[in-house]
C-alpha atoms as a PDB file:
ATOM      1  CA  MET A   1     130.506  94.726 184.988  1.00  0.00           C
ATOM      2  CA  HIS A   2     134.726  94.214 184.744  1.00  0.00           C
ATOM      3  CA  VAL A   3     135.241  91.061 182.502  1.00  0.00           C
ATOM      4  CA  LYS A   4     139.394  89.725 182.242  1.00  0.00           C
ATOM      5  CA  SER A   5     138.728  87.083 180.265  1.00  0.00           C
ATOM      6  CA  ILE A   6     136.456  84.549 178.821  1.00  0.00           C
ATOM      7  CA  ARG A   7     137.885  81.423 177.357  1.00  0.00           C
ATOM      8  CA  PRO A   8     139.694  81.026 175.222  1.00  0.00           C
ATOM      9  CA  TYR A   9     139.506  85.156 174.713  1.00  0.00           C
ATOM     10  CA  GLU A  10     141.509  87.459 177.361  1.00  0.00           C
ATOM     11  CA  LEU A  11     140.293  91.075 177.595  1.00  0.00           C
ATOM     12  CA  VAL A  12     141.446  94.081 175.434  1.00  0.00           C
ATOM     13  CA  ARG A  13     140.065  97.007 176.517  1.00  0.00           C
ATOM     14  CA  HIS A  14     136.279  98.125 176.838  1.00  0.00           C
ATOM     15  CA  ILE A  15     134.906  99.824 173.736  1.00  0.00           C
ATOM     16  CA  LEU A  16     131.572 100.628 174.944  1.00  0.00           C
ATOM     17  CA  GLN A  17     128.076 100.404 177.403  1.00  0.00           C
ATOM     18  CA  GLY A  18     124.860  99.808 175.768  1.00  0.00           C
ATOM     19  CA  GLY A  19     121.511  99.925 177.511  1.00  0.00           C
ATOM     20  CA  ARG A  20     121.640  96.006 177.718  1.00  0.00           C
ATOM     21  CA  THR A  21     125.097  94.747 176.088  1.00  0.00           C
ATOM     22  CA  GLN A  22     128.753  95.344 176.699  1.00  0.00           C
ATOM     23  CA  LEU A  23     131.448  95.638 173.817  1.00  0.00           C
ATOM     24  CA  TYR A  24     134.950  94.720 174.295  1.00  0.00           C
ATOM     25  CA  LEU A  25     137.893  94.126 172.335  1.00  0.00           C
ATOM     26  CA  PHE A  26     139.548  90.768 173.487  1.00  0.00           C
ATOM     27  CA  GLU A  27     142.395  88.557 171.695  1.00  0.00           C
ATOM     28  CA  GLN A  28     141.575  84.921 170.853  1.00  0.00           C
ATOM     29  CA  ALA A  29     144.197  82.692 171.743  1.00  0.00           C
ATOM     30  CA  HIS A  30     143.771  79.874 168.681  1.00  0.00           C
ATOM     31  CA  PRO A  31     143.774  81.377 166.406  1.00  0.00           C
ATOM     32  CA  ARG A  32     145.939  84.422 167.427  1.00  0.00           C
ATOM     33  CA  ARG A  33     142.991  87.401 166.588  1.00  0.00           C
ATOM     34  CA  GLN A  34     141.278  90.689 167.891  1.00  0.00           C
ATOM     35  CA  VAL A  35     137.577  90.302 168.017  1.00  0.00           C
ATOM     36  CA  ALA A  36     134.438  92.065 169.282  1.00  0.00           C
ATOM     37  CA  LEU A  37     133.026  90.489 171.764  1.00  0.00           C
ATOM     38  CA  LYS A  38     129.444  91.940 172.943  1.00  0.00           C
ATOM     39  CA  LEU A  39     127.825  90.452 176.563  1.00  0.00           C
ATOM     40  CA  LEU A  40     124.280  90.997 177.512  1.00  0.00           C
ATOM     41  CA  LYS A  41     124.224  92.077 180.545  1.00  0.00           C
ATOM     42  CA  VAL A  42     120.798  91.344 182.092  1.00  0.00           C
ATOM     43  CA  SER A  43     120.569  87.599 183.375  1.00  0.00           C
ATOM     44  CA  GLN A  44     120.032  85.166 180.663  1.00  0.00           C
ATOM     45  CA  TYR A  45     116.891  84.062 182.559  1.00  0.00           C
ATOM     46  CA  GLU A  46     115.249  87.128 181.195  1.00  0.00           C
ATOM     47  CA  GLU A  47     113.400  85.865 178.556  1.00  0.00           C
ATOM     48  CA  GLN A  48     112.214  88.888 176.609  1.00  0.00           C
ATOM     49  CA  CYS A  49     115.988  90.109 176.389  1.00  0.00           C
ATOM     50  CA  ARG A  50     117.413  86.576 175.978  1.00  0.00           C
ATOM     51  CA  SER A  51     115.786  85.450 172.841  1.00  0.00           C
ATOM     52  CA  ARG A  52     115.933  88.836 170.999  1.00  0.00           C
ATOM     53  CA  PHE A  53     120.001  88.286 171.837  1.00  0.00           C
ATOM     54  CA  GLN A  54     119.186  85.380 170.277  1.00  0.00           C
ATOM     55  CA  LEU A  55     117.385  86.118 167.541  1.00  0.00           C
ATOM     56  CA  GLU A  56     120.737  89.223 166.640  1.00  0.00           C
ATOM     57  CA  ILE A  57     122.846  85.994 166.685  1.00  0.00           C
ATOM     58  CA  ASP A  58     120.849  83.950 164.232  1.00  0.00           C
ATOM     59  CA  LEU A  59     120.206  86.381 161.623  1.00  0.00           C
ATOM     60  CA  LEU A  60     124.440  87.589 162.308  1.00  0.00           C
ATOM     61  CA  ALA A  61     125.097  83.738 161.590  1.00  0.00           C
ATOM     62  CA  THR A  62     122.985  84.337 158.313  1.00  0.00           C
ATOM     63  CA  LEU A  63     124.850  87.513 156.607  1.00  0.00           C
ATOM     64  CA  GLU A  64     127.607  87.231 154.551  1.00  0.00           C
ATOM     65  CA  HIS A  65     129.204  90.686 152.529  1.00  0.00           C
ATOM     66  CA  PRO A  66     132.070  92.182 152.648  1.00  0.00           C
ATOM     67  CA  ALA A  67     130.475  95.173 154.661  1.00  0.00           C
ATOM     68  CA  ILE A  68     129.345  93.447 157.515  1.00  0.00           C
ATOM     69  CA  ALA A  69     131.245  91.742 160.131  1.00  0.00           C
ATOM     70  CA  ARG A  70     131.373  88.087 160.565  1.00  0.00           C
ATOM     71  CA  ILE A  71     129.934  85.928 163.791  1.00  0.00           C
ATOM     72  CA  PHE A  72     132.738  83.812 164.904  1.00  0.00           C
ATOM     73  CA  ASP A  73     131.141  82.142 168.094  1.00  0.00           C
ATOM     74  CA  ALA A  74     128.169  82.439 170.635  1.00  0.00           C
ATOM     75  CA  GLY A  75     127.817  81.248 173.654  1.00  0.00           C
ATOM     76  CA  VAL A  76     126.876  81.509 177.655  1.00  0.00           C
ATOM     77  CA  VAL A  77     129.189  81.879 180.725  1.00  0.00           C
ATOM     78  CA  ASP A  78     128.860  82.801 184.117  1.00  0.00           C
ATOM     79  CA  ILE A  79     131.404  85.688 185.268  1.00  0.00           C
ATOM     80  CA  GLY A  80     129.477  86.451 189.190  1.00  0.00           C
ATOM     81  CA  ARG A  81     126.109  87.638 187.422  1.00  0.00           C
ATOM     82  CA  GLY A  82     124.595  84.266 186.444  1.00  0.00           C
ATOM     83  CA  PRO A  83     124.528  83.062 182.939  1.00  0.00           C
ATOM     84  CA  GLN A  84     125.231  85.438 180.463  1.00  0.00           C
ATOM     85  CA  ALA A  85     124.831  85.163 176.618  1.00  0.00           C
ATOM     86  CA  TYR A  86     127.755  86.485 174.874  1.00  0.00           C
ATOM     87  CA  TYR A  87     128.955  86.250 170.637  1.00  0.00           C
ATOM     88  CA  THR A  88     131.992  87.588 169.226  1.00  0.00           C
ATOM     89  CA  MET A  89     132.404  88.723 165.774  1.00  0.00           C
ATOM     90  CA  GLU A  90     135.466  90.356 163.272  1.00  0.00           C
ATOM     91  CA  TYR A  91     136.835  93.875 164.974  1.00  0.00           C
ATOM     92  CA  VAL A  92     136.576  96.224 162.569  1.00  0.00           C
ATOM     93  CA  LYS A  93     139.017  99.457 163.354  1.00  0.00           C
ATOM     94  CA  GLY A  94     137.107 102.556 162.070  1.00  0.00           C
ATOM     95  CA  LEU A  95     134.609 105.169 163.916  1.00  0.00           C
ATOM     96  CA  ARG A  96     131.419 104.228 165.385  1.00  0.00           C
ATOM     97  CA  LEU A  97     128.536 104.817 162.903  1.00  0.00           C
ATOM     98  CA  ASP A  98     127.176 108.120 165.093  1.00  0.00           C
ATOM     99  CA  GLN A  99     131.073 109.524 164.738  1.00  0.00           C
ATOM    100  CA  PHE A 100     130.165 108.995 161.033  1.00  0.00           C
ATOM    101  CA  GLN A 101     130.101 111.893 158.724  1.00  0.00           C
ATOM    102  CA  LYS A 102     129.577 111.823 154.859  1.00  0.00           C
END
C-alpha cells in the first residue's frame, strides 16, 4: 500500500511493515513536526482487528512516561481500500527494539 499523504500529514518515508499494520514517518503541517503514523492495513470492518487497534490507541492515550512515545492523533482514512484506522505518535530516532543490544 502506497500512501503519500493523510491530511494534515505528508509522507517522508516508510519505516516498516508488520503483519496488520504499516509504520510511516510523516511531516505534520501544524504544528510542524515529524510524527510516526501507524496505519491498520486491514479493512475497518474486520471487527476483531479494528477492536484490537482501537484498544491499542486507548491504552497508549492513557500512558504518560518519558520513555513512552506520546500519542497525538487518531482517526480513520480512506486511501483507496475502504476506511482504515490510524494513529500518530512521537517519532523517536534510534534503533528498533529487535536491533537493540545491551
